[in-house]
Amino acid sequence: MPHTRRRQQHPGPLWRLLSSAGFRFAVLFAAMFLMAGLAFAAVLWWGTAGALERQTDAAIRADAHALSDRWRDAGQQGLVDAIEERLAVDVEGQTLYRLQDAAGSRVVGNLAALPPERPGNQDWYSLTLQHEDGQPGEGRLLVLDLSDGSKLAVGREVGEKQRLRALLTDGLYWAAGSALVFALVGAWLMRRALERRLAPASATAALIAGGDLSPRVPLSLHDDEFDRLGASMNTMLDRIAQLMDGVRGVSDAIAHDLRTPIARARNGLEEALLGGSDDPGELRGAIERGIADLDNVTRVFQAVLRIAEMEAGARRAAFARFDLAQVLADAAELYGASAEARGQTLHTDWPEPLPLGGDRDLLLQVLANLLDNAVKFSPPGSAISLTAVQEPDAVVVRVADEGPGLSVQDRTRVGERFFRADAARTTPGSGLGLSLVRAVVQLHGGTIWFADAGGPPRRPGLAVLFRLPASAA
């Protein structure tokens, strides 16, 4: 069956526009702008045209109730006199009145007839008027039923108010159209501004995706959210570059440091195989040396895996509350005998208890590594100290020796995997001890630093200090 290659559909420009975040922000801006404009128009309408209608209805209602009270007090003739007085003083002809008897005949007023009744016994009416000059007009009318069957109609000519209302309506329509135009222009400008501010980050990300880790996001002088995003990306890229360099360094170090024991184990086994010796002792010795070399390789890999595990935070599940003073005592007891065997003295000092949260076994391993280095690099007859102090929210542990110490340049690299100072190259080790220490301290949210122990210039000693927060658990 022939295969047909399906052409990949790339989104068109319109789809890219509609799916972009800048377009969505622009639409949100336009919608908020239009909603604000509509809210303003509604308030304006309520305060002008609505106020005019309410004012007219209130004046009609008050006049109608006043005439109704006059009818109850003075009868029909008093009501007629009151209407005639109102019509006499209305020079502009804005008032509308009609009093008709029960038979429907007009008694007094300037309205020729009442509008036809509507279902629901509604009292308010709107009607069209015909002025003396032939111009039409609009009227607003309230009709009251009197107790003797007659009807009283009171109204106002509202043509001027209707024209003002129409003028206001046209103005609001034009304002809404202008608001729509401004909203669209503002949305377009906002989208352009967002794209322009995000363009450097997008260009840098594209270069990084192409394999070049050197570009960084250029920052402006505004120090706004986009600059902070760019700074975060630059920090992330610096960290990625540092990790990549570390991976390359670790790979090189593993290839360099493990090549010797593996080659030594292979050569020893090969010599035992090709030597043709029948002595079981020699063969056993070659095998034991090969196993020892391979055990060293295994220990290196196990240390690297433990460091990677801690850097990934996988051991946080084992955190619990414990007394660090007991861990310090166990480490001092373990390495006190080693120091005494080399003619050294181990001094200890810490308060009790030292409550802490974290992984007890990992911290014991940290102390073991530090004390092992102190015993290893200190000469016979020297003193080693293990102390700890309690701070308000942390515990600071200090391990000091009287060895050769570390230069300022080496202190910046201590903790890198497989790094060994010049003074330590003749001693056994893989350069992973302090890397493990740093990883454990960072896992607990602490900090580690190095200083001189205060010894003589030729042997200033090294003091390793690390601070652990008491709330690490």
Protein backbone atom coordinates (compact mmCIF):
# COMPACT_ATOMS: atom_id res chain seq x y z
CA MET A 1 0.00 0.00 0.00
CA PRO A 2 1.61 3.30 -1.02
CA HIS A 3 2.40 5.72 1.75
CA THR A 4 1.34 9.33 1.39
CA ARG A 5 3.39 11.91 3.24
CA ARG A 6 1.17 14.30 5.11
CA ARG A 7 2.24 17.90 4.85
CA GLN A 8 2.73 19.56 8.21
CA GLN A 9 0.23 22.31 8.74
CA HIS A 10 1.83 25.46 10.05
CA PRO A 11 -0.45 27.96 11.76
CA GLY A 12 -1.18 31.03 9.72
CA PRO A 13 -0.51 34.61 10.75
CA LEU A 14 -4.09 35.09 11.97
CA TRP A 15 -3.91 32.00 14.19
CA ARG A 16 -0.53 33.07 15.60
CA LEU A 17 -2.03 36.48 16.36
CA LEU A 18 -5.11 35.07 18.08
CA SER A 19 -3.10 32.54 20.12
CA SER A 20 -0.42 34.96 21.28
CA ALA A 21 -0.31 36.14 24.88
CA GLY A 22 0.16 39.73 23.71
CA PHE A 23 -3.13 39.56 21.83
CA ARG A 24 -4.95 38.18 24.86
CA PHE A 25 -3.54 40.91 27.09
CA ALA A 26 -4.52 43.47 24.46
CA VAL A 27 -8.08 42.11 24.29
CA LEU A 28 -8.29 42.18 28.08
CA PHE A 29 -7.10 45.79 28.08
CA ALA A 30 -9.66 46.74 25.41
CA ALA A 31 -12.47 44.97 27.27
CA MET A 32 -11.61 46.68 30.56
CA PHE A 33 -11.38 50.04 28.79
CA LEU A 34 -14.78 49.56 27.14
CA MET A 35 -16.37 48.38 30.39
CA ALA A 36 -15.05 51.48 32.12
CA GLY A 37 -16.45 53.63 29.30
CA LEU A 38 -19.85 51.95 29.49
CA ALA A 39 -19.93 52.35 33.25
CA PHE A 40 -19.12 56.05 32.87
CA ALA A 41 -21.85 56.45 30.21
CA ALA A 42 -24.40 54.70 32.45
CA VAL A 43 -23.57 56.98 35.37
CA LEU A 44 -23.74 60.03 33.11
CA TRP A 45 -27.10 58.92 31.71
CA TRP A 46 -28.46 58.29 35.18
CA GLY A 47 -27.31 61.67 36.36
CA THR A 48 -28.64 63.71 33.41
CA ALA A 49 -31.43 62.23 31.27
CA GLY A 50 -32.66 60.03 34.08
CA ALA A 51 -32.56 62.92 36.52
CA LEU A 52 -34.62 65.07 34.13
CA GLU A 53 -37.30 62.39 33.84
CA ARG A 54 -37.42 61.82 37.58
CA GLN A 55 -37.60 65.56 38.22
CA THR A 56 -40.51 65.96 35.73
CA ASP A 57 -42.44 63.03 37.20
CA ALA A 58 -41.92 64.36 40.73
CA ALA A 59 -43.23 67.83 39.76
CA ILE A 60 -46.31 66.34 38.02
CA ARG A 61 -47.05 64.05 40.97
CA ALA A 62 -46.75 66.89 43.49
CA ASP A 63 -48.99 69.20 41.44
CA ALA A 64 -51.61 66.45 40.95
CA HIS A 65 -51.77 65.66 44.66
CA ALA A 66 -51.99 69.36 45.51
CA LEU A 67 -54.98 69.79 43.14
CA SER A 68 -56.59 66.64 44.51
CA ASP A 69 -56.33 68.06 48.02
CA ARG A 70 -57.86 71.30 46.75
CA TRP A 71 -60.80 69.35 45.31
CA ARG A 72 -61.43 67.63 48.63
CA ASP A 73 -61.22 70.92 50.53
CA ALA A 74 -63.07 73.34 48.19
CA GLY A 75 -64.99 71.09 45.86
CA GLN A 76 -65.15 71.22 42.08
CA GLN A 77 -65.26 75.01 41.86
CA GLY A 78 -62.16 75.39 44.02
CA LEU A 79 -60.35 72.89 41.76
CA VAL A 80 -61.44 74.83 38.66
CA ASP A 81 -60.16 78.07 40.12
CA ALA A 82 -56.83 76.50 41.02
CA ILE A 83 -56.34 75.10 37.49
CA GLU A 84 -57.24 78.44 35.90
CA GLU A 85 -54.73 80.22 38.16
CA ARG A 86 -51.98 77.81 37.10
CA LEU A 87 -52.81 78.20 33.42
CA ALA A 88 -52.86 81.99 33.76
CA VAL A 89 -49.33 82.17 35.17
CA ASP A 90 -47.91 79.58 32.66
CA VAL A 91 -46.66 81.99 30.03
CA GLU A 92 -44.53 79.37 28.19
CA GLY A 93 -47.37 76.86 27.99
CA GLN A 94 -45.47 74.02 29.63
CA THR A 95 -48.29 72.82 31.91
CA LEU A 96 -51.08 70.49 30.86
CA TYR A 97 -54.43 70.24 32.70
CA ARG A 98 -57.85 68.74 32.12
CA LEU A 99 -60.75 68.21 34.46
CA GLN A 100 -63.66 66.26 33.03
CA ASP A 101 -66.88 65.18 34.65
CA ALA A 102 -68.23 61.68 34.94
CA ALA A 103 -69.78 61.94 31.48
CA GLY A 104 -66.39 62.74 29.89
CA SER A 105 -67.06 66.43 29.16
CA ARG A 106 -64.26 68.88 29.78
CA VAL A 107 -64.86 71.22 32.70
CA VAL A 108 -61.60 73.15 32.58
CA GLY A 109 -58.08 72.76 31.13
CA ASN A 110 -56.01 73.13 27.98
CA LEU A 111 -56.15 69.49 26.89
CA ALA A 112 -58.80 68.73 24.27
CA ALA A 113 -59.10 65.08 25.31
CA LEU A 114 -57.52 62.46 27.45
CA PRO A 115 -55.52 59.64 25.88
CA PRO A 116 -57.34 56.32 25.57
CA GLU A 117 -57.20 54.11 28.62
CA ARG A 118 -54.71 51.22 28.59
CA PRO A 119 -55.11 47.81 30.19
CA GLY A 120 -53.83 47.49 33.73
CA ASN A 121 -55.27 50.82 35.03
CA GLN A 122 -51.98 52.65 34.46
CA ASP A 123 -52.05 56.30 35.53
CA TRP A 124 -49.05 57.61 33.55
CA TYR A 125 -49.32 58.46 29.86
CA SER A 126 -47.11 59.82 27.13
CA LEU A 127 -48.87 61.70 24.37
CA THR A 128 -48.14 63.77 21.29
CA LEU A 129 -49.18 67.42 21.40
CA GLN A 130 -49.91 69.92 18.67
CA HIS A 131 -48.75 73.47 19.48
CA GLU A 132 -50.43 76.59 18.17
CA ASP A 133 -47.51 77.18 15.74
CA GLY A 134 -48.11 73.77 14.23
CA GLN A 135 -45.02 72.16 15.77
CA PRO A 136 -45.52 68.78 17.42
CA GLY A 137 -44.58 68.22 21.02
CA GLU A 138 -44.36 65.53 23.65
CA GLY A 139 -46.32 65.43 26.87
CA ARG A 140 -46.07 63.49 30.10
CA LEU A 141 -49.43 63.05 31.87
CA LEU A 142 -50.75 61.70 35.18
CA VAL A 143 -54.49 60.90 35.36
CA LEU A 144 -56.26 60.61 38.74
CA ASP A 145 -59.76 59.30 39.32
CA LEU A 146 -61.78 61.48 41.72
CA SER A 147 -64.41 60.05 44.00
CA ASP A 148 -67.39 61.53 42.11
CA GLY A 149 -66.40 59.81 38.86
CA SER A 150 -64.62 62.78 37.34
CA LYS A 151 -61.02 62.62 36.14
CA LEU A 152 -58.13 65.00 36.79
CA ALA A 153 -55.20 65.02 34.34
CA VAL A 154 -51.97 66.89 35.21
CA GLY A 155 -48.97 66.95 32.89
CA ARG A 156 -45.98 68.77 31.50
CA GLU A 157 -44.69 69.46 28.02
CA VAL A 158 -41.42 67.51 27.80
CA GLY A 159 -40.41 68.16 24.19
CA GLU A 160 -37.37 70.22 25.16
CA LYS A 161 -36.30 67.58 27.61
CA GLN A 162 -36.76 64.89 24.94
CA ARG A 163 -34.60 66.83 22.51
CA LEU A 164 -31.95 67.26 25.21
CA ARG A 165 -32.15 63.55 25.91
CA ALA A 166 -31.72 62.73 22.20
CA LEU A 167 -28.76 65.09 22.02
CA LEU A 168 -27.21 63.42 25.05
CA THR A 169 -27.84 59.98 23.56
CA ASP A 170 -26.12 60.95 20.31
CA GLY A 171 -23.19 62.30 22.32
CA LEU A 172 -22.90 59.04 24.25
CA TYR A 173 -22.98 57.04 21.00
CA TRP A 174 -20.15 59.12 19.61
CA ALA A 175 -18.26 58.79 22.87
CA ALA A 176 -18.73 55.00 22.80
CA GLY A 177 -17.44 54.86 19.24
CA SER A 178 -14.43 56.98 20.19
CA ALA A 179 -13.82 54.77 23.23
CA LEU A 180 -13.88 51.71 20.98
CA VAL A 181 -11.33 53.28 18.64
CA PHE A 182 -9.08 54.29 21.57
CA ALA A 183 -9.45 50.81 23.07
CA LEU A 184 -8.37 49.14 19.84
CA VAL A 185 -5.45 51.53 19.34
CA GLY A 186 -4.42 51.12 22.98
CA ALA A 187 -4.66 47.33 22.69
CA TRP A 188 -2.48 47.39 19.57
CA LEU A 189 0.09 49.62 21.28
CA MET A 190 0.04 47.40 24.36
CA ARG A 191 0.61 44.30 22.24
CA ARG A 192 3.49 45.98 20.43
CA ALA A 193 5.01 47.10 23.74
CA LEU A 194 4.77 43.56 25.17
CA GLU A 195 6.33 42.05 22.06
CA ARG A 196 9.12 44.63 22.08
CA ARG A 197 9.96 44.00 25.75
CA LEU A 198 9.82 40.21 25.36
CA ALA A 199 11.77 40.16 22.09
CA PRO A 200 15.25 40.10 23.75
CA ALA A 201 14.26 37.18 25.98
CA SER A 202 12.77 35.30 23.02
CA ALA A 203 15.86 35.91 20.88
CA THR A 204 18.15 34.76 23.70
CA ALA A 205 16.05 31.64 24.28
CA ALA A 206 16.22 30.84 20.55
CA LEU A 207 20.02 31.10 20.61
CA ILE A 208 20.21 28.93 23.72
CA ALA A 209 17.95 26.36 22.05
CA GLY A 210 20.38 26.37 19.11
CA GLY A 211 23.17 25.17 21.41
CA ASP A 212 24.95 28.46 22.21
CA LEU A 213 24.95 28.97 26.01
CA SER A 214 26.89 32.25 25.93
CA PRO A 215 24.11 34.80 25.10
CA ARG A 216 22.36 36.61 27.92
CA VAL A 217 19.17 38.67 28.00
CA PRO A 218 20.03 42.39 27.67
CA LEU A 219 18.58 44.46 30.52
CA SER A 220 17.27 48.01 30.35
CA LEU A 221 17.46 50.72 32.98
CA HIS A 222 13.78 50.47 33.93
CA ASP A 223 14.23 47.67 36.50
CA ASP A 224 10.66 46.54 35.84
CA GLU A 225 9.08 43.09 35.73
CA PHE A 226 10.63 42.33 32.34
CA ASP A 227 14.10 43.26 33.58
CA ARG A 228 13.61 41.07 36.63
CA LEU A 229 12.49 38.23 34.37
CA GLY A 230 15.58 38.77 32.20
CA ALA A 231 17.82 38.83 35.28
CA SER A 232 16.26 35.57 36.49
CA MET A 233 16.85 34.01 33.08
CA ASN A 234 20.48 35.20 33.11
CA THR A 235 20.97 33.73 36.57
CA MET A 236 19.42 30.47 35.39
CA LEU A 237 21.67 30.43 32.32
CA ASP A 238 24.73 31.12 34.47
CA ARG A 239 23.76 28.23 36.70
CA ILE A 240 23.18 25.94 33.69
CA ALA A 241 26.56 26.91 32.24
CA GLN A 242 28.17 26.27 35.62
CA LEU A 243 26.51 22.85 35.84
CA MET A 244 27.57 22.01 32.31
CA ASP A 245 31.13 22.96 33.15
CA GLY A 246 30.83 20.86 36.27
CA VAL A 247 29.57 17.88 34.29
CA ARG A 248 32.47 18.21 31.88
CA GLY A 249 34.87 18.58 34.77
CA VAL A 250 33.43 15.56 36.56
CA SER A 251 33.63 13.51 33.39
CA ASP A 252 37.25 14.49 32.87
CA ALA A 253 38.06 13.86 36.53
CA ILE A 254 36.41 10.45 36.52
CA ALA A 255 38.27 9.49 33.37
CA HIS A 256 41.54 10.69 34.88
CA ASP A 257 41.20 9.44 38.45
CA LEU A 258 39.63 6.09 37.69
CA ARG A 259 41.93 5.25 34.85
CA THR A 260 44.85 4.57 37.20
CA PRO A 261 43.18 2.05 39.59
CA ILE A 262 41.41 0.29 36.73
CA ALA A 263 44.64 0.05 34.72
CA ARG A 264 46.53 -1.08 37.81
CA ALA A 265 43.96 -3.81 38.53
CA ARG A 266 44.03 -4.97 34.92
CA ASN A 267 47.82 -5.03 34.74
CA GLY A 268 48.08 -6.93 38.01
CA LEU A 269 45.58 -9.54 36.92
CA GLU A 270 47.18 -9.79 33.48
CA GLU A 271 50.64 -10.30 35.00
CA ALA A 272 49.27 -12.99 37.28
CA LEU A 273 47.62 -14.68 34.29
CA LEU A 274 50.60 -14.44 31.93
CA GLY A 275 53.30 -14.99 34.55
CA GLY A 276 52.54 -18.64 34.73
CA SER A 277 53.18 -18.73 38.46
CA ASP A 278 51.74 -21.73 40.24
CA ASP A 279 52.15 -20.13 43.67
CA PRO A 280 48.66 -19.78 45.16
CA GLY A 281 49.89 -16.99 47.41
CA GLU A 282 51.00 -14.82 44.50
CA LEU A 283 47.78 -15.44 42.63
CA ARG A 284 45.73 -14.66 45.74
CA GLY A 285 47.72 -11.46 46.32
CA ALA A 286 47.16 -10.30 42.71
CA ILE A 287 43.45 -11.00 43.00
CA GLU A 288 43.19 -9.18 46.33
CA ARG A 289 45.03 -6.15 44.93
CA GLY A 290 42.72 -6.13 41.91
CA ILE A 291 39.66 -6.36 44.16
CA ALA A 292 40.99 -3.50 46.31
CA ASP A 293 41.51 -1.31 43.24
CA LEU A 294 38.01 -2.11 41.98
CA ASP A 295 36.58 -1.41 45.45
CA ASN A 296 38.15 2.04 45.28
CA VAL A 297 36.47 2.61 41.92
CA THR A 298 33.15 1.44 43.38
CA ARG A 299 33.52 3.78 46.35
CA VAL A 300 34.12 6.70 44.00
CA PHE A 301 30.99 5.93 42.02
CA GLN A 302 28.96 5.46 45.20
CA ALA A 303 30.16 8.83 46.48
CA VAL A 304 29.22 10.52 43.19
CA LEU A 305 25.77 8.91 43.33
CA ARG A 306 25.25 10.00 46.94
CA ILE A 307 26.21 13.57 46.05
CA ALA A 308 23.82 13.57 43.08
CA GLU A 309 21.07 12.13 45.27
CA MET A 310 21.48 14.86 47.87
CA GLU A 311 21.72 17.64 45.30
CA ALA A 312 18.38 16.41 43.91
CA GLY A 313 16.83 16.59 47.41
CA ALA A 314 15.88 12.91 47.45
CA ARG A 315 16.93 12.46 51.10
CA ARG A 316 14.59 15.10 52.53
CA ALA A 317 11.98 12.44 53.21
CA ALA A 318 14.21 11.08 56.01
CA PHE A 319 14.38 14.40 57.89
CA ALA A 320 13.38 14.25 61.55
CA ARG A 321 14.07 16.01 64.85
CA PHE A 322 17.13 14.82 66.78
CA ASP A 323 19.83 16.01 69.19
CA LEU A 324 22.97 17.11 67.31
CA ALA A 325 24.97 16.95 70.55
CA GLN A 326 24.68 13.16 70.54
CA VAL A 327 25.88 13.03 66.91
CA LEU A 328 28.88 15.20 67.81
CA ALA A 329 29.67 12.90 70.73
CA ASP A 330 29.51 9.81 68.49
CA ALA A 331 31.84 11.39 65.91
CA ALA A 332 34.29 12.53 68.61
CA GLU A 333 34.35 9.05 70.15
CA LEU A 334 34.94 7.47 66.73
CA TYR A 335 37.83 9.72 65.69
CA GLY A 336 39.25 10.45 69.11
CA ALA A 337 40.95 7.05 69.05
CA SER A 338 42.37 7.70 65.56
CA ALA A 339 43.76 11.04 66.66
CA GLU A 340 45.27 9.51 69.79
CA ALA A 341 46.92 6.78 67.70
CA ARG A 342 48.68 9.50 65.65
CA GLY A 343 49.75 11.40 68.75
CA GLN A 344 47.11 14.08 68.27
CA THR A 345 44.64 15.58 70.71
CA LEU A 346 40.95 16.09 69.98
CA HIS A 347 39.29 18.95 71.91
CA THR A 348 35.48 19.12 72.02
CA ASP A 349 33.06 21.75 73.28
CA TRP A 350 29.30 22.20 72.71
CA PRO A 351 26.19 22.87 74.78
CA GLU A 352 23.56 20.24 75.42
CA PRO A 353 21.08 19.67 74.01
CA LEU A 354 21.32 20.91 70.39
CA PRO A 355 17.89 20.26 68.85
CA LEU A 356 17.97 20.17 65.07
CA GLY A 357 15.92 18.96 62.14
CA GLY A 358 17.49 16.90 59.37
CA ASP A 359 19.05 13.56 58.46
CA ARG A 360 21.08 12.28 61.40
CA ASP A 361 23.10 9.73 59.40
CA LEU A 362 24.13 12.26 56.74
CA LEU A 363 25.30 14.77 59.33
CA LEU A 364 27.29 12.06 61.10
CA GLN A 365 28.95 11.32 57.75
CA VAL A 366 29.76 15.04 57.35
CA LEU A 367 31.48 15.12 60.74
CA ALA A 368 33.30 11.87 59.93
CA ASN A 369 34.65 13.31 56.66
CA LEU A 370 35.80 16.54 58.29
CA LEU A 371 37.45 14.80 61.26
CA ASP A 372 39.08 12.25 58.95
CA ASN A 373 40.61 15.10 56.91
CA ALA A 374 41.74 16.87 60.08
CA VAL A 375 43.44 13.74 61.40
CA LYS A 376 44.93 12.97 57.98
CA PHE A 377 46.48 16.42 57.36
CA SER A 378 47.54 17.33 60.90
CA PRO A 379 51.06 16.38 62.03
CA PRO A 380 51.70 14.26 65.11
CA GLY A 381 51.50 16.19 68.37
CA SER A 382 49.00 18.71 66.98
CA ALA A 383 45.54 19.54 68.28
CA ILE A 384 42.19 19.10 66.56
CA SER A 385 39.01 20.78 67.77
CA LEU A 386 35.33 19.96 67.28
CA THR A 387 33.01 22.66 68.66
CA ALA A 388 29.45 23.85 68.19
CA VAL A 389 27.50 26.90 69.35
CA GLN A 390 23.78 27.46 69.59
CA GLU A 391 22.35 30.54 67.82
CA PRO A 392 18.76 31.79 68.09
CA ASP A 393 17.63 29.97 64.94
CA ALA A 394 20.63 27.86 63.91
CA VAL A 395 23.58 25.72 65.04
CA VAL A 396 27.15 26.51 63.94
CA VAL A 397 29.65 23.62 63.93
CA ARG A 398 33.43 24.18 63.64
CA VAL A 399 36.13 21.60 62.87
CA ALA A 400 39.71 22.96 63.04
CA ASP A 401 43.13 21.37 62.62
CA GLU A 402 46.78 22.41 62.57
CA GLY A 403 47.61 21.18 59.08
CA PRO A 404 48.89 23.11 56.03
CA GLY A 405 45.55 24.85 55.48
CA LEU A 406 44.19 26.09 52.16
CA SER A 407 45.04 29.11 50.09
CA VAL A 408 42.38 31.68 49.31
CA GLN A 409 42.26 30.49 45.69
CA ASP A 410 41.77 26.85 46.75
CA ARG A 411 38.97 27.77 49.17
CA THR A 412 36.87 29.03 46.28
CA ARG A 413 37.14 25.60 44.61
CA VAL A 414 36.85 23.41 47.69
CA GLY A 415 33.68 21.37 47.31
CA GLU A 416 34.08 20.81 43.58
CA ARG A 417 34.04 17.15 42.73
CA PHE A 418 37.47 15.55 42.43
CA PHE A 419 39.24 18.80 43.30
CA ARG A 420 42.38 18.29 45.41
CA ALA A 421 44.74 20.99 46.59
CA ASP A 422 48.46 20.63 45.87
CA ALA A 423 49.21 19.70 49.49
CA ALA A 424 46.71 16.83 49.33
CA ARG A 425 47.82 15.16 46.13
CA THR A 426 50.26 12.85 47.93
CA THR A 427 47.63 11.56 50.35
CA PRO A 428 45.05 8.90 49.52
CA GLY A 429 41.64 10.14 48.47
CA SER A 430 39.40 10.95 45.53
CA GLY A 431 38.54 14.60 46.15
CA LEU A 432 34.89 13.84 46.89
CA GLY A 433 34.83 14.19 50.68
CA LEU A 434 34.24 17.94 50.85
CA SER A 435 31.89 17.73 47.86
CA LEU A 436 29.77 15.36 49.92
CA VAL A 437 29.99 17.69 52.92
CA ARG A 438 28.87 20.70 50.87
CA ALA A 439 25.98 18.73 49.33
CA VAL A 440 24.71 17.59 52.74
CA VAL A 441 24.91 21.10 54.20
CA GLN A 442 23.05 22.55 51.21
CA LEU A 443 20.46 19.78 51.48
CA HIS A 444 19.74 21.01 55.01
CA GLY A 445 19.45 24.62 53.85
CA GLY A 446 22.74 25.58 55.51
CA THR A 447 25.93 27.33 54.50
CA ILE A 448 29.57 26.27 54.71
CA TRP A 449 32.74 28.35 54.68
CA PHE A 450 36.48 27.96 55.37
CA ALA A 451 38.95 30.01 57.38
CA ASP A 452 42.42 29.80 58.92
CA ALA A 453 42.53 27.98 62.23
CA GLY A 454 44.98 30.54 63.65
CA GLY A 455 48.13 28.41 63.76
CA PRO A 456 51.73 29.42 62.83
CA PRO A 457 52.42 30.73 59.30
CA ARG A 458 53.95 27.46 58.11
CA ARG A 459 50.99 25.48 59.42
CA PRO A 460 48.03 27.89 59.73
CA GLY A 461 45.59 25.03 59.86
CA LEU A 462 42.10 24.96 58.38
CA ALA A 463 38.80 25.68 60.10
CA VAL A 464 35.66 24.33 58.41
CA LEU A 465 32.46 25.95 59.66
CA PHE A 466 28.89 25.24 58.65
CA ARG A 467 25.62 26.69 59.87
CA LEU A 468 22.45 24.59 59.93
CA PRO A 469 19.01 26.16 60.48
CA ALA A 470 17.23 24.67 63.45
CA SER A 471 13.99 24.39 61.45
CA ALA A 472 15.40 22.32 58.58
CA ALA A 473 12.90 19.56 59.25
